[in-house]
Amino acid sequence: MKSVSGWALGALLVALGGNANAADLLVKGTIVPASCTLSLHNGGVVDFGKIRAAELSPNAYTRLQSRGVPFTVNCDGGTRVGVKTLDNRSSSKVPGILQAALGPGYNDAYNYGLGTTAVGQRIGGYALRVTDSVADFPLVNTIVSTNNGLNWSRGNGALGQYQNVMSWSGFFATHPASVQRVSGRLEVQPVINKTSELDITQELYLDGLATLELRYL
């Protein structure tokens, strides 16, 4: 039997290795944060119907009975989330109207415009407030930040503008809780301007429009 030299064996092994096949395995995926949706019942419309001009004051602001709509926040996982607002009728705001009618806590950061008459008279303002909140943990409270979520304190559910954010916490806590579902009621509290400032010989139409935006915290 003939022996194979070391040189020949090495060449054979190199040749066999050169014919070996290779396959790459690529591992991919994306870790995504939980997402939430905010829904307002009745399409987000709060209709105050017909308001008799005779029931409004000529020399003082008139506070109407509040009305509201149910809301729901649903998240696909536990998420710390808050609500920010934008007044799309801010140019129609009557400065100081809510403080005069509702109290000193309702400064103009909480004042949303109700639109104007055909000749540009400002009809009034309204406040927004979250009430009756129920979450997927017991004893839920509303909390508020006035600096875009850096610091928090207990709130009354009022929704302010600018750097204000409203969120939910446990009963004894003052920081946002991780929630998967929150429901409750969004109350609208209108205040109508003095009729001495309005042309009430014509029909006037309340025209408030605010955007509610979820903010992940």
N, C-alpha and C. Protein backbone atom coordinates (compact mmCIF):
# COMPACT_ATOMS: atom_id res chain seq x y z
N MET A 1 0.86 -1.20 0.00
CA MET A 1 0.00 0.00 0.00
C MET A 1 0.89 1.24 0.00
N LYS A 2 0.53 2.18 -0.88
CA LYS A 2 1.34 3.39 -0.98
C LYS A 2 0.98 4.36 0.13
N SER A 3 1.96 5.00 0.74
CA SER A 3 1.71 6.02 1.76
C SER A 3 1.50 7.39 1.12
N VAL A 4 0.73 8.21 1.76
CA VAL A 4 0.46 9.57 1.28
C VAL A 4 1.39 10.52 2.00
N SER A 5 2.11 11.34 1.28
CA SER A 5 3.04 12.27 1.89
C SER A 5 2.29 13.36 2.66
N GLY A 6 2.95 14.01 3.57
CA GLY A 6 2.35 15.12 4.32
C GLY A 6 1.94 16.25 3.43
N TRP A 7 2.72 16.51 2.40
CA TRP A 7 2.38 17.60 1.47
C TRP A 7 1.09 17.29 0.72
N ALA A 8 0.96 16.06 0.25
CA ALA A 8 -0.24 15.66 -0.49
C ALA A 8 -1.48 15.68 0.39
N LEU A 9 -1.35 15.24 1.65
CA LEU A 9 -2.49 15.25 2.58
C LEU A 9 -2.94 16.67 2.87
N GLY A 10 -1.99 17.58 3.05
CA GLY A 10 -2.34 18.98 3.29
C GLY A 10 -3.08 19.59 2.13
N ALA A 11 -2.60 19.26 0.91
CA ALA A 11 -3.26 19.79 -0.29
C ALA A 11 -4.68 19.26 -0.41
N LEU A 12 -4.86 17.97 -0.04
CA LEU A 12 -6.19 17.38 -0.12
C LEU A 12 -7.15 18.06 0.86
N LEU A 13 -6.68 18.33 2.06
CA LEU A 13 -7.52 18.97 3.07
C LEU A 13 -7.89 20.40 2.65
N VAL A 14 -6.94 21.11 2.05
CA VAL A 14 -7.22 22.47 1.57
C VAL A 14 -8.27 22.43 0.48
N ALA A 15 -8.15 21.47 -0.41
CA ALA A 15 -9.10 21.34 -1.51
C ALA A 15 -10.49 21.03 -0.98
N LEU A 16 -10.58 20.13 0.00
CA LEU A 16 -11.89 19.79 0.58
C LEU A 16 -12.49 20.99 1.29
N GLY A 17 -11.66 21.73 2.05
CA GLY A 17 -12.16 22.91 2.75
C GLY A 17 -12.63 23.98 1.80
N GLY A 18 -11.99 24.14 0.69
CA GLY A 18 -12.39 25.14 -0.29
C GLY A 18 -13.72 24.84 -0.92
N ASN A 19 -14.16 23.60 -0.90
CA ASN A 19 -15.45 23.23 -1.48
C ASN A 19 -16.59 23.29 -0.48
N ALA A 20 -16.32 23.63 0.82
CA ALA A 20 -17.38 23.67 1.85
C ALA A 20 -18.30 24.87 1.60
N ASN A 21 -19.65 24.73 1.83
CA ASN A 21 -20.61 25.81 1.69
C ASN A 21 -20.83 26.50 3.02
N ALA A 22 -21.18 27.82 3.02
CA ALA A 22 -21.44 28.58 4.24
C ALA A 22 -22.77 29.32 4.09
N ALA A 23 -23.45 29.54 5.19
CA ALA A 23 -24.72 30.28 5.18
C ALA A 23 -24.71 31.28 6.31
N ASP A 24 -25.22 32.48 6.06
CA ASP A 24 -25.30 33.52 7.08
C ASP A 24 -26.69 33.54 7.71
N LEU A 25 -26.74 33.73 9.00
CA LEU A 25 -28.01 33.91 9.73
C LEU A 25 -28.09 35.35 10.18
N LEU A 26 -29.13 36.05 9.74
CA LEU A 26 -29.33 37.45 10.12
C LEU A 26 -30.51 37.53 11.07
N VAL A 27 -30.28 38.03 12.25
CA VAL A 27 -31.33 38.13 13.27
C VAL A 27 -31.83 39.58 13.31
N LYS A 28 -33.11 39.78 13.04
CA LYS A 28 -33.67 41.12 12.99
C LYS A 28 -34.91 41.22 13.85
N GLY A 29 -35.33 42.44 14.11
CA GLY A 29 -36.55 42.70 14.88
C GLY A 29 -36.55 44.13 15.35
N THR A 30 -37.67 44.58 15.80
CA THR A 30 -37.79 45.96 16.28
C THR A 30 -38.56 45.95 17.59
N ILE A 31 -37.95 46.54 18.60
CA ILE A 31 -38.64 46.71 19.88
C ILE A 31 -39.33 48.07 19.84
N VAL A 32 -40.65 48.06 19.94
CA VAL A 32 -41.41 49.30 19.82
C VAL A 32 -42.04 49.66 21.16
N PRO A 33 -42.15 50.94 21.45
CA PRO A 33 -42.82 51.34 22.69
C PRO A 33 -44.32 51.08 22.60
N ALA A 34 -44.94 50.97 23.75
CA ALA A 34 -46.39 50.81 23.77
C ALA A 34 -47.05 52.06 23.18
N SER A 35 -48.14 51.87 22.49
CA SER A 35 -48.86 53.00 21.91
C SER A 35 -50.26 53.08 22.52
N CYS A 36 -50.79 54.30 22.55
CA CYS A 36 -52.09 54.54 23.16
C CYS A 36 -52.98 55.32 22.20
N THR A 37 -54.27 55.17 22.37
CA THR A 37 -55.24 55.94 21.59
C THR A 37 -56.21 56.61 22.55
N LEU A 38 -56.63 57.81 22.18
CA LEU A 38 -57.62 58.57 22.94
C LEU A 38 -58.87 58.69 22.09
N SER A 39 -60.01 58.32 22.64
CA SER A 39 -61.27 58.45 21.91
C SER A 39 -62.28 59.21 22.74
N LEU A 40 -63.04 60.08 22.07
CA LEU A 40 -64.12 60.84 22.68
C LEU A 40 -65.44 60.36 22.08
N HIS A 41 -66.39 60.05 22.92
CA HIS A 41 -67.68 59.60 22.43
C HIS A 41 -68.41 60.74 21.72
N ASN A 42 -69.39 60.38 20.93
CA ASN A 42 -70.19 61.33 20.15
C ASN A 42 -69.34 62.16 19.21
N GLY A 43 -68.23 61.58 18.77
CA GLY A 43 -67.35 62.30 17.85
C GLY A 43 -66.68 63.51 18.47
N GLY A 44 -66.68 63.58 19.80
CA GLY A 44 -66.08 64.73 20.47
C GLY A 44 -66.91 65.99 20.41
N VAL A 45 -68.22 65.86 20.10
CA VAL A 45 -69.10 67.03 20.00
C VAL A 45 -69.88 67.20 21.30
N VAL A 46 -69.80 68.39 21.87
CA VAL A 46 -70.61 68.76 23.04
C VAL A 46 -71.52 69.90 22.61
N ASP A 47 -72.80 69.62 22.50
CA ASP A 47 -73.77 70.58 21.96
C ASP A 47 -74.62 71.16 23.10
N PHE A 48 -74.58 72.47 23.24
CA PHE A 48 -75.37 73.13 24.29
C PHE A 48 -76.74 73.58 23.79
N GLY A 49 -77.07 73.23 22.58
CA GLY A 49 -78.40 73.51 22.06
C GLY A 49 -78.70 75.00 22.00
N LYS A 50 -79.98 75.34 22.14
CA LYS A 50 -80.41 76.74 22.08
C LYS A 50 -80.30 77.39 23.46
N ILE A 51 -79.66 78.53 23.49
CA ILE A 51 -79.48 79.30 24.72
C ILE A 51 -80.23 80.61 24.55
N ARG A 52 -81.21 80.86 25.39
CA ARG A 52 -82.02 82.06 25.26
C ARG A 52 -81.22 83.30 25.68
N ALA A 53 -81.18 84.28 24.82
CA ALA A 53 -80.44 85.51 25.12
C ALA A 53 -80.98 86.19 26.37
N ALA A 54 -82.28 86.02 26.64
CA ALA A 54 -82.89 86.66 27.82
C ALA A 54 -82.33 86.08 29.12
N GLU A 55 -81.74 84.90 29.07
CA GLU A 55 -81.19 84.28 30.27
C GLU A 55 -79.75 84.71 30.54
N LEU A 56 -79.18 85.49 29.65
CA LEU A 56 -77.81 85.94 29.80
C LEU A 56 -77.77 87.33 30.41
N SER A 57 -76.71 87.60 31.14
CA SER A 57 -76.59 88.89 31.83
C SER A 57 -75.96 89.95 30.93
N PRO A 58 -76.52 91.18 30.93
CA PRO A 58 -75.91 92.25 30.13
C PRO A 58 -74.63 92.80 30.74
N ASN A 59 -74.47 92.66 32.07
CA ASN A 59 -73.37 93.33 32.76
C ASN A 59 -72.43 92.38 33.48
N ALA A 60 -72.64 91.09 33.34
CA ALA A 60 -71.78 90.10 33.99
C ALA A 60 -71.64 88.88 33.09
N TYR A 61 -70.60 88.12 33.33
CA TYR A 61 -70.42 86.88 32.58
C TYR A 61 -71.43 85.84 33.08
N THR A 62 -71.95 85.04 32.18
CA THR A 62 -72.96 84.03 32.53
C THR A 62 -72.37 82.64 32.44
N ARG A 63 -72.40 81.95 33.56
CA ARG A 63 -71.91 80.57 33.62
C ARG A 63 -73.05 79.62 33.25
N LEU A 64 -72.84 78.83 32.21
CA LEU A 64 -73.84 77.85 31.80
C LEU A 64 -73.66 76.55 32.57
N GLN A 65 -74.68 75.70 32.51
CA GLN A 65 -74.57 74.36 33.08
C GLN A 65 -73.56 73.56 32.27
N SER A 66 -72.66 72.87 32.95
CA SER A 66 -71.63 72.11 32.23
C SER A 66 -72.23 70.87 31.57
N ARG A 67 -71.62 70.47 30.49
CA ARG A 67 -71.97 69.23 29.80
C ARG A 67 -70.67 68.54 29.41
N GLY A 68 -70.77 67.29 29.02
CA GLY A 68 -69.55 66.60 28.67
C GLY A 68 -69.79 65.35 27.85
N VAL A 69 -68.68 64.65 27.58
CA VAL A 69 -68.72 63.39 26.82
C VAL A 69 -67.80 62.39 27.51
N PRO A 70 -68.13 61.10 27.46
CA PRO A 70 -67.21 60.08 27.96
C PRO A 70 -65.94 60.02 27.09
N PHE A 71 -64.84 59.64 27.72
CA PHE A 71 -63.59 59.45 27.00
C PHE A 71 -62.98 58.11 27.40
N THR A 72 -62.10 57.61 26.55
CA THR A 72 -61.36 56.38 26.84
C THR A 72 -59.94 56.51 26.32
N VAL A 73 -58.98 56.11 27.13
CA VAL A 73 -57.59 55.97 26.70
C VAL A 73 -57.25 54.49 26.77
N ASN A 74 -56.85 53.91 25.64
CA ASN A 74 -56.45 52.51 25.57
C ASN A 74 -55.00 52.41 25.12
N CYS A 75 -54.21 51.64 25.85
CA CYS A 75 -52.81 51.40 25.49
C CYS A 75 -52.59 49.91 25.29
N ASP A 76 -51.65 49.54 24.41
CA ASP A 76 -51.41 48.12 24.18
C ASP A 76 -50.42 47.53 25.17
N GLY A 77 -50.13 48.26 26.21
CA GLY A 77 -49.30 47.81 27.31
C GLY A 77 -49.26 48.89 28.37
N GLY A 78 -48.77 48.57 29.54
CA GLY A 78 -48.68 49.56 30.60
C GLY A 78 -47.83 50.75 30.18
N THR A 79 -48.40 51.94 30.25
CA THR A 79 -47.74 53.13 29.72
C THR A 79 -48.02 54.32 30.62
N ARG A 80 -47.00 55.12 30.85
CA ARG A 80 -47.21 56.41 31.54
C ARG A 80 -47.56 57.44 30.48
N VAL A 81 -48.75 57.99 30.57
CA VAL A 81 -49.25 58.86 29.52
C VAL A 81 -50.00 60.03 30.16
N GLY A 82 -49.98 61.17 29.49
CA GLY A 82 -50.70 62.35 29.94
C GLY A 82 -51.44 62.99 28.78
N VAL A 83 -52.13 64.08 29.07
CA VAL A 83 -52.92 64.79 28.06
C VAL A 83 -52.48 66.25 28.02
N LYS A 84 -52.17 66.72 26.81
CA LYS A 84 -51.93 68.14 26.56
C LYS A 84 -53.03 68.66 25.65
N THR A 85 -53.27 69.96 25.71
CA THR A 85 -54.34 70.55 24.91
C THR A 85 -53.84 71.74 24.11
N LEU A 86 -54.56 71.99 23.02
CA LEU A 86 -54.29 73.15 22.17
C LEU A 86 -55.62 73.81 21.84
N ASP A 87 -55.72 75.12 22.10
CA ASP A 87 -56.93 75.88 21.79
C ASP A 87 -56.85 76.40 20.36
N ASN A 88 -57.71 75.87 19.50
CA ASN A 88 -57.73 76.31 18.10
C ASN A 88 -58.56 77.56 17.88
N ARG A 89 -59.11 78.12 18.95
CA ARG A 89 -59.86 79.39 18.89
C ARG A 89 -59.28 80.38 19.89
N SER A 90 -57.98 80.31 20.10
CA SER A 90 -57.36 81.14 21.14
C SER A 90 -57.50 82.63 20.88
N SER A 91 -57.61 83.03 19.61
CA SER A 91 -57.72 84.46 19.32
C SER A 91 -59.07 85.04 19.77
N SER A 92 -60.03 84.15 20.07
CA SER A 92 -61.34 84.62 20.51
C SER A 92 -61.48 84.61 22.03
N LYS A 93 -60.41 84.31 22.72
CA LYS A 93 -60.44 84.22 24.18
C LYS A 93 -60.79 85.57 24.80
N VAL A 94 -61.68 85.55 25.80
CA VAL A 94 -61.99 86.76 26.59
C VAL A 94 -61.11 86.71 27.83
N PRO A 95 -60.08 87.54 27.93
CA PRO A 95 -59.16 87.44 29.06
C PRO A 95 -59.87 87.60 30.40
N GLY A 96 -59.55 86.70 31.33
CA GLY A 96 -60.07 86.80 32.69
C GLY A 96 -61.49 86.32 32.89
N ILE A 97 -62.15 85.82 31.85
CA ILE A 97 -63.56 85.47 31.97
C ILE A 97 -63.78 84.28 32.91
N LEU A 98 -62.88 83.30 32.88
CA LEU A 98 -63.06 82.14 33.74
C LEU A 98 -62.74 82.46 35.19
N GLN A 99 -61.73 83.26 35.43
CA GLN A 99 -61.43 83.64 36.81
C GLN A 99 -62.60 84.39 37.43
N ALA A 100 -63.24 85.27 36.65
CA ALA A 100 -64.37 86.02 37.17
C ALA A 100 -65.56 85.13 37.48
N ALA A 101 -65.77 84.11 36.65
CA ALA A 101 -66.97 83.28 36.79
C ALA A 101 -66.75 82.01 37.59
N LEU A 102 -65.54 81.44 37.54
CA LEU A 102 -65.29 80.14 38.16
C LEU A 102 -64.36 80.20 39.37
N GLY A 103 -63.56 81.26 39.48
CA GLY A 103 -62.67 81.35 40.62
C GLY A 103 -61.23 81.60 40.21
N PRO A 104 -60.38 82.00 41.17
CA PRO A 104 -59.00 82.42 40.85
C PRO A 104 -58.13 81.31 40.29
N GLY A 105 -58.46 80.04 40.51
CA GLY A 105 -57.65 78.96 39.99
C GLY A 105 -57.71 78.80 38.48
N TYR A 106 -58.72 79.43 37.86
CA TYR A 106 -58.91 79.28 36.42
C TYR A 106 -58.34 80.49 35.68
N ASN A 107 -57.02 80.59 35.68
CA ASN A 107 -56.38 81.67 34.93
C ASN A 107 -56.48 81.36 33.44
N ASP A 108 -55.91 82.22 32.61
CA ASP A 108 -56.11 82.10 31.17
C ASP A 108 -55.40 80.90 30.55
N ALA A 109 -54.56 80.19 31.31
CA ALA A 109 -54.02 78.93 30.81
C ALA A 109 -55.12 77.88 30.70
N TYR A 110 -56.22 78.08 31.43
CA TYR A 110 -57.35 77.14 31.41
C TYR A 110 -58.53 77.68 30.62
N ASN A 111 -58.33 78.78 29.92
CA ASN A 111 -59.40 79.50 29.22
C ASN A 111 -59.32 79.20 27.72
N TYR A 112 -60.40 78.63 27.18
CA TYR A 112 -60.48 78.30 25.75
C TYR A 112 -61.55 79.16 25.09
N GLY A 113 -61.25 79.70 23.91
CA GLY A 113 -62.16 80.61 23.24
C GLY A 113 -63.38 79.92 22.66
N LEU A 114 -64.50 80.65 22.60
CA LEU A 114 -65.76 80.14 22.06
C LEU A 114 -66.10 80.74 20.70
N GLY A 115 -65.11 81.32 20.05
CA GLY A 115 -65.36 81.89 18.73
C GLY A 115 -65.85 83.33 18.81
N THR A 116 -66.15 83.89 17.64
CA THR A 116 -66.58 85.29 17.56
C THR A 116 -67.87 85.41 16.75
N THR A 117 -68.51 86.55 16.90
CA THR A 117 -69.69 86.85 16.09
C THR A 117 -69.24 87.23 14.68
N ALA A 118 -70.22 87.49 13.82
CA ALA A 118 -69.91 87.86 12.43
C ALA A 118 -69.11 89.15 12.34
N VAL A 119 -69.23 89.99 13.39
CA VAL A 119 -68.50 91.26 13.37
C VAL A 119 -67.30 91.24 14.33
N GLY A 120 -66.90 90.04 14.76
CA GLY A 120 -65.67 89.91 15.53
C GLY A 120 -65.80 90.05 17.02
N GLN A 121 -67.02 90.08 17.57
CA GLN A 121 -67.18 90.16 19.03
C GLN A 121 -66.92 88.78 19.64
N ARG A 122 -66.22 88.77 20.76
CA ARG A 122 -65.84 87.51 21.40
C ARG A 122 -66.99 86.97 22.25
N ILE A 123 -67.39 85.73 21.96
CA ILE A 123 -68.60 85.17 22.57
C ILE A 123 -68.38 84.72 24.01
N GLY A 124 -67.20 84.21 24.33
CA GLY A 124 -66.96 83.76 25.71
C GLY A 124 -65.80 82.79 25.78
N GLY A 125 -65.81 81.96 26.80
CA GLY A 125 -64.75 80.98 27.00
C GLY A 125 -65.28 79.76 27.72
N TYR A 126 -64.43 78.75 27.83
CA TYR A 126 -64.85 77.55 28.55
C TYR A 126 -63.63 76.88 29.17
N ALA A 127 -63.92 76.09 30.20
CA ALA A 127 -62.91 75.28 30.86
C ALA A 127 -63.13 73.82 30.52
N LEU A 128 -62.05 73.05 30.51
CA LEU A 128 -62.11 71.60 30.31
C LEU A 128 -61.63 70.89 31.57
N ARG A 129 -62.35 69.84 31.93
CA ARG A 129 -61.99 69.12 33.16
C ARG A 129 -62.30 67.64 33.00
N VAL A 130 -61.35 66.81 33.40
CA VAL A 130 -61.53 65.36 33.41
C VAL A 130 -62.11 64.94 34.76
N THR A 131 -63.22 64.19 34.72
CA THR A 131 -63.87 63.74 35.96
C THR A 131 -64.13 62.24 35.89
N ASP A 132 -64.42 61.66 37.05
CA ASP A 132 -64.86 60.26 37.16
C ASP A 132 -63.89 59.28 36.51
N SER A 133 -62.60 59.51 36.68
CA SER A 133 -61.61 58.64 36.04
C SER A 133 -61.60 57.25 36.70
N VAL A 134 -61.57 56.23 35.86
CA VAL A 134 -61.44 54.84 36.30
C VAL A 134 -60.31 54.23 35.49
N ALA A 135 -59.36 53.59 36.18
CA ALA A 135 -58.21 52.99 35.50
C ALA A 135 -58.12 51.51 35.86
N ASP A 136 -57.08 50.85 35.34
CA ASP A 136 -56.88 49.44 35.63
C ASP A 136 -56.11 49.24 36.94
N PHE A 137 -56.23 50.20 37.84
CA PHE A 137 -55.76 50.07 39.22
C PHE A 137 -56.71 50.88 40.10
N PRO A 138 -56.82 50.57 41.37
CA PRO A 138 -57.83 51.22 42.21
C PRO A 138 -57.43 52.63 42.63
N LEU A 139 -58.43 53.42 43.03
CA LEU A 139 -58.24 54.73 43.64
C LEU A 139 -57.38 55.64 42.78
N VAL A 140 -57.80 55.83 41.53
CA VAL A 140 -57.05 56.66 40.61
C VAL A 140 -57.30 58.13 40.89
N ASN A 141 -56.26 58.94 40.77
CA ASN A 141 -56.35 60.39 40.93
C ASN A 141 -55.77 61.07 39.70
N THR A 142 -56.15 62.33 39.50
CA THR A 142 -55.53 63.13 38.45
C THR A 142 -54.42 63.98 39.06
N ILE A 143 -53.34 64.14 38.30
CA ILE A 143 -52.22 64.98 38.71
C ILE A 143 -51.89 65.93 37.57
N VAL A 144 -51.14 66.97 37.87
CA VAL A 144 -50.86 67.99 36.86
C VAL A 144 -49.40 68.41 36.94
N SER A 145 -48.84 68.68 35.77
CA SER A 145 -47.52 69.29 35.67
C SER A 145 -47.66 70.60 34.92
N THR A 146 -46.98 71.64 35.40
CA THR A 146 -47.00 72.94 34.72
C THR A 146 -45.70 73.21 33.98
N ASN A 147 -44.83 72.18 33.91
CA ASN A 147 -43.54 72.36 33.21
C ASN A 147 -43.24 71.15 32.32
N ASN A 148 -44.26 70.72 31.57
CA ASN A 148 -44.10 69.64 30.58
C ASN A 148 -43.62 68.33 31.19
N GLY A 149 -44.05 68.04 32.40
CA GLY A 149 -43.78 66.73 32.99
C GLY A 149 -42.56 66.63 33.87
N LEU A 150 -41.87 67.73 34.13
CA LEU A 150 -40.70 67.67 35.01
C LEU A 150 -41.10 67.48 36.46
N ASN A 151 -42.13 68.16 36.90
CA ASN A 151 -42.62 68.06 38.27
C ASN A 151 -44.13 67.88 38.26
N TRP A 152 -44.65 67.22 39.30
CA TRP A 152 -46.07 66.91 39.36
C TRP A 152 -46.66 67.25 40.72
N SER A 153 -47.95 67.54 40.72
CA SER A 153 -48.68 67.77 41.96
C SER A 153 -50.11 67.29 41.79
N ARG A 154 -50.82 67.17 42.88
CA ARG A 154 -52.22 66.74 42.81
C ARG A 154 -53.03 67.80 42.06
N GLY A 155 -53.98 67.34 41.24
CA GLY A 155 -54.80 68.26 40.46
C GLY A 155 -56.27 67.99 40.65
N ASN A 156 -57.09 68.81 39.99
CA ASN A 156 -58.54 68.63 40.06
C ASN A 156 -59.11 68.17 38.72
N GLY A 157 -58.24 67.74 37.82
CA GLY A 157 -58.67 67.27 36.51
C GLY A 157 -58.75 68.35 35.45
N ALA A 158 -58.53 69.61 35.82
CA ALA A 158 -58.60 70.70 34.84
C ALA A 158 -57.47 70.56 33.81
N LEU A 159 -57.81 70.80 32.56
CA LEU A 159 -56.85 70.69 31.46
C LEU A 159 -56.37 72.08 31.06
N GLY A 160 -55.10 72.34 31.30
CA GLY A 160 -54.53 73.63 30.94
C GLY A 160 -53.74 73.54 29.64
N GLN A 161 -53.33 74.69 29.15
CA GLN A 161 -52.60 74.79 27.89
C GLN A 161 -51.12 75.06 28.15
N TYR A 162 -50.39 75.31 27.07
CA TYR A 162 -48.98 75.69 27.12
C TYR A 162 -48.13 74.54 27.68
N GLN A 163 -47.51 74.68 28.84
CA GLN A 163 -46.66 73.62 29.39
C GLN A 163 -47.41 72.71 30.35
N ASN A 164 -48.72 72.84 30.41
CA ASN A 164 -49.52 72.01 31.31
C ASN A 164 -49.74 70.62 30.73
N VAL A 165 -49.58 69.61 31.57
CA VAL A 165 -49.89 68.22 31.22
C VAL A 165 -50.70 67.63 32.37
N MET A 166 -51.78 66.93 32.04
CA MET A 166 -52.55 66.22 33.06
C MET A 166 -52.32 64.73 32.90
N SER A 167 -52.23 64.01 34.03
CA SER A 167 -52.03 62.57 33.98
C SER A 167 -52.77 61.92 35.15
N TRP A 168 -52.55 60.61 35.31
CA TRP A 168 -53.24 59.84 36.34
C TRP A 168 -52.21 59.16 37.24
N SER A 169 -52.57 59.05 38.52
CA SER A 169 -51.68 58.41 39.49
C SER A 169 -52.51 57.56 40.45
N GLY A 170 -51.79 56.78 41.26
CA GLY A 170 -52.44 56.09 42.36
C GLY A 170 -52.89 57.07 43.44
N PHE A 171 -53.64 56.60 44.41
CA PHE A 171 -54.28 57.48 45.38
C PHE A 171 -53.29 58.32 46.18
N PHE A 172 -52.19 57.73 46.62
CA PHE A 172 -51.23 58.45 47.45
C PHE A 172 -50.05 58.99 46.66
N ALA A 173 -50.02 58.74 45.36
CA ALA A 173 -48.84 59.10 44.56
C ALA A 173 -49.02 60.46 43.89
N THR A 174 -47.89 61.07 43.55
CA THR A 174 -47.91 62.32 42.78
C THR A 174 -46.99 62.21 41.57
N HIS A 175 -46.92 61.00 41.02
CA HIS A 175 -46.18 60.79 39.77
C HIS A 175 -47.04 59.91 38.86
N PRO A 176 -46.90 60.02 37.56
CA PRO A 176 -47.76 59.28 36.65
C PRO A 176 -47.65 57.77 36.84
N ALA A 177 -48.78 57.11 36.85
CA ALA A 177 -48.82 55.66 36.95
C ALA A 177 -48.78 55.05 35.55
N SER A 178 -48.35 53.80 35.48
CA SER A 178 -48.37 53.06 34.23
C SER A 178 -49.77 52.47 34.06
N VAL A 179 -50.44 52.87 32.99
CA VAL A 179 -51.83 52.46 32.79
C VAL A 179 -51.98 51.75 31.45
N GLN A 180 -52.98 50.90 31.37
CA GLN A 180 -53.33 50.28 30.10
C GLN A 180 -54.67 50.78 29.60
N ARG A 181 -55.55 51.15 30.53
CA ARG A 181 -56.85 51.68 30.13
C ARG A 181 -57.31 52.69 31.18
N VAL A 182 -57.78 53.84 30.71
CA VAL A 182 -58.40 54.85 31.57
C VAL A 182 -59.67 55.32 30.89
N SER A 183 -60.72 55.47 31.65
CA SER A 183 -61.95 56.02 31.10
C SER A 183 -62.51 57.03 32.10
N GLY A 184 -63.40 57.86 31.63
CA GLY A 184 -64.00 58.87 32.49
C GLY A 184 -64.87 59.79 31.67
N ARG A 185 -64.95 61.04 32.11
CA ARG A 185 -65.80 62.02 31.45
C ARG A 185 -65.02 63.32 31.26
N LEU A 186 -65.15 63.90 30.08
CA LEU A 186 -64.55 65.20 29.79
C LEU A 186 -65.64 66.26 29.87
N GLU A 187 -65.56 67.10 30.89
CA GLU A 187 -66.58 68.12 31.14
C GLU A 187 -66.19 69.44 30.49
N VAL A 188 -67.17 70.08 29.88
CA VAL A 188 -66.99 71.40 29.27
C VAL A 188 -67.84 72.40 30.07
N GLN A 189 -67.18 73.43 30.60
CA GLN A 189 -67.87 74.45 31.40
C GLN A 189 -67.79 75.79 30.67
N PRO A 190 -68.86 76.19 29.96
CA PRO A 190 -68.81 77.45 29.22
C PRO A 190 -69.20 78.64 30.09
N VAL A 191 -68.63 79.78 29.72
CA VAL A 191 -69.01 81.06 30.32
C VAL A 191 -69.22 82.04 29.16
N ILE A 192 -70.41 82.68 29.13
CA ILE A 192 -70.75 83.57 28.02
C ILE A 192 -70.44 85.01 28.39
N ASN A 193 -69.95 85.75 27.43
CA ASN A 193 -69.60 87.16 27.61
C ASN A 193 -70.84 87.99 27.99
N LYS A 194 -70.62 89.16 28.52
CA LYS A 194 -71.72 90.09 28.80
C LYS A 194 -72.45 90.41 27.50
N THR A 195 -73.77 90.38 27.55
CA THR A 195 -74.51 90.66 26.32
C THR A 195 -74.37 92.11 25.87
N SER A 196 -73.93 92.99 26.78
CA SER A 196 -73.63 94.36 26.36
C SER A 196 -72.44 94.41 25.42
N GLU A 197 -71.67 93.32 25.37
CA GLU A 197 -70.52 93.22 24.48
C GLU A 197 -70.85 92.45 23.20
N LEU A 198 -72.12 92.02 23.06
CA LEU A 198 -72.51 91.16 21.94
C LEU A 198 -73.74 91.73 21.24
N ASP A 199 -73.84 91.44 19.96
CA ASP A 199 -75.03 91.80 19.21
C ASP A 199 -76.00 90.63 19.28
N ILE A 200 -76.92 90.68 20.25
CA ILE A 200 -77.83 89.55 20.45
C ILE A 200 -79.12 89.70 19.64
N THR A 201 -79.12 90.64 18.70
CA THR A 201 -80.25 90.70 17.77
C THR A 201 -80.08 89.65 16.66
N GLN A 202 -78.91 89.06 16.60
CA GLN A 202 -78.63 88.00 15.63
C GLN A 202 -78.37 86.69 16.39
N GLU A 203 -78.56 85.56 15.72
CA GLU A 203 -78.18 84.29 16.33
C GLU A 203 -76.66 84.21 16.42
N LEU A 204 -76.18 83.78 17.57
CA LEU A 204 -74.74 83.62 17.79
C LEU A 204 -74.45 82.14 17.95
N TYR A 205 -73.34 81.69 17.41
CA TYR A 205 -73.02 80.27 17.41
C TYR A 205 -71.75 80.01 18.21
N LEU A 206 -71.87 79.19 19.26
CA LEU A 206 -70.69 78.78 20.00
C LEU A 206 -69.80 77.97 19.08
N ASP A 207 -68.50 78.29 19.09
CA ASP A 207 -67.59 77.67 18.13
C ASP A 207 -66.25 77.36 18.78
N GLY A 208 -66.30 76.59 19.86
CA GLY A 208 -65.06 76.18 20.50
C GLY A 208 -64.45 74.98 19.80
N LEU A 209 -63.13 74.95 19.72
CA LEU A 209 -62.44 73.82 19.09
C LEU A 209 -61.09 73.64 19.76
N ALA A 210 -60.93 72.54 20.47
CA ALA A 210 -59.66 72.24 21.15
C ALA A 210 -59.16 70.88 20.70
N THR A 211 -57.84 70.74 20.64
CA THR A 211 -57.20 69.48 20.31
C THR A 211 -56.61 68.88 21.58
N LEU A 212 -56.96 67.62 21.86
CA LEU A 212 -56.40 66.88 22.99
C LEU A 212 -55.36 65.91 22.45
N GLU A 213 -54.16 65.99 22.98
CA GLU A 213 -53.04 65.19 22.48
C GLU A 213 -52.48 64.35 23.61
N LEU A 214 -52.27 63.05 23.34
CA LEU A 214 -51.62 62.19 24.33
C LEU A 214 -50.12 62.46 24.32
N ARG A 215 -49.55 62.55 25.52
CA ARG A 215 -48.12 62.78 25.66
C ARG A 215 -47.52 61.60 26.47
N TYR A 216 -46.56 60.89 25.87
CA TYR A 216 -45.91 59.78 26.57
C TYR A 216 -44.87 60.34 27.53
N LEU A 217 -44.86 59.83 28.73
CA LEU A 217 -44.07 60.43 29.81
C LEU A 217 -42.92 59.50 30.22
